[in-house]
Amino acid sequence: MSKTFNLPDLGEGLTEADLVRWLVAEGDEVAVDQPIAEVETAKALVEVPCPFEGTVLTLHGSEGETMEVGLPLITVGEAGETDGGADAGPAADERPGALSYREEERAGVMEPGTGQPAPDKARGGDGDVAGSDEEASGNVLIGYGTSGHGATGRTRPSKRKRGRGRTTVPASSSPAASGSGQAPRVVSPIVRKLARDNGVDVATLTGTGPEGLITRADVMGAISGGASAPAQAAPAASSAPAASGAVGEQDSRSGLRVAERTPITGVRKAIADQMARSRREVPEVTAWMDVDVTGLLELRQALKAKDPENAPSLLGLIARFTVAGLRKYPVMNARIETGAGGREEIVEFEGVNLGLAVQTDRGLMVPSIEHAERLCAAELNAAIAETVGRAREGKASPAELTRGTFTLNNYGPLGTDGATPILNIPEVGMLGIGRIIDRPWVVDGQIQVRKVTEMTVTFDHRVTDGATASAFLTFVAGCLNDPTAALAEI
């Protein structure tokens, strides 16, 4: 019997991922937990392992395609089974029904004209991910796979039992019922919510996806042409981008020919959403000061001369002093949460998960080092090298990319002196370091050439005030100015 494995939630609450490449082909034999595909989420590149063993019958997607969580990713049959065997299974008899947004879906959606719950093909049929305990996988990723205790896999009998126990709405009263006696197929919660938020009745649309599936493009076409646009108008509306300038054609706004169009997906989309949300929601403020770091460079040279292999880098030393500053001013290492009754609370932490702003080929990433307060400068230096390396290789874990409590942003290598960074919400603080250059500086009444950098602190004014943020910045600057004395105290 064939089994269909749906794209799982990769542990970040994400709803979609880009299929970068297949690691198997149809007809290949796969083992339990063998990587079958490489997908790019909004945060990281992830190898998706298969929870089944057997023969690959169907790959449900093309490389470069955006796959939505909960939709089929791969179908696996018994060893040696062919596609014909998969088609003959019970799942082939399932008819597409109305698949609604999560709350509606769990309330029970009726198959039009039958008075019975519609089979949920996207969440599993007879060939669903819920296999036997003997075929349990290691549950490598959150949100999918089977377990020996049945915690993540559901058998068909239990699913039918729950379906009978729910209160359902008669099919005749369902607005999704169409004249053909078949409900519109809207599998994606994103698409259904998009339609609902913009007043688009999905029952009026003609889906352009497989088996009439209503896609995001169909809904966007209806929105562009008017929320109540008839189904036949959707294809015309979806071709609107060409009128505003397809590649090689003239752009209606600028009058220039379009050289390239790049969809905003994956990491770039996540960055865009995060930056826009941060700037929209957070009253951020940036303060800065120039710092003489000649003493820091001299300390670094002395440590390097003593132990060339293990001497911490400048960034390792700066990170150590930053953590010390966060321990002294813990409100900079916090976030805002909505507590009981909708009341906002400032949450401070006992430890420091130090985030590092890293520019990668895939965009800006902020992996973090957990419990950085437990590490000395040399250990922090090693952790920074490992963490940055994983991020640039696209191998940073979702936990690394989401658990930071404060960010250190070293933009000096980019050649800039200062910046006004956007906070990595829900964090409430970020320390920035610019390039180190020779500048005239007054020392003991005499003008000398010193190594100087510009430091900035960006903070959420809802959480802290300028006095505290400036005190934190001054503390770290003092450590960089006289690191030997600072190390004796921390």
Foldseek 3Di string as FASTA:
>chain_A
DKAFEFAFDQAPPDFKWAFADFPDDAFDWFAAQDFGTWIFALAFIDGDGHLATAGWADADDDHGDMGTGLATGTMGDHHPDYNVVVCPDPVVPADAAEAEADVQNLLFECQFPPQAGHDDVSNTDQNYQQDDLVSFHPPPGPGGTAHNVRPRHDHPVVVRVSNVPHDYDDNVPDLQQEPVSHGQAENGNVQNVLLVVQVARCSQAQAPDPPRHNDNQQSVLCSQVDRDDGHVSSVVSSVVVVVCADAQDAGPPPRHHHPDDDDQDRNSVSVVVQLVVLVVPFPKDKDKDKFFLQQVVVVQVVQCVVPVVQRADSVLLLVQLLQVLCVVQQLQQWFWDQDPPRRIDIGGDPAFFEWEFAQAPSGTATFTHGRCNVDDSSRSRVVVVVQNVCVNVRNGRPCRRPVGREYEYECQVVVDQDDADRDRPRHFKYKYKHHWDWDFDADPNDTDTTTMGMMMMMGGCVRDHPVSRVVSVVSSSVCSNNVVVVVVVD
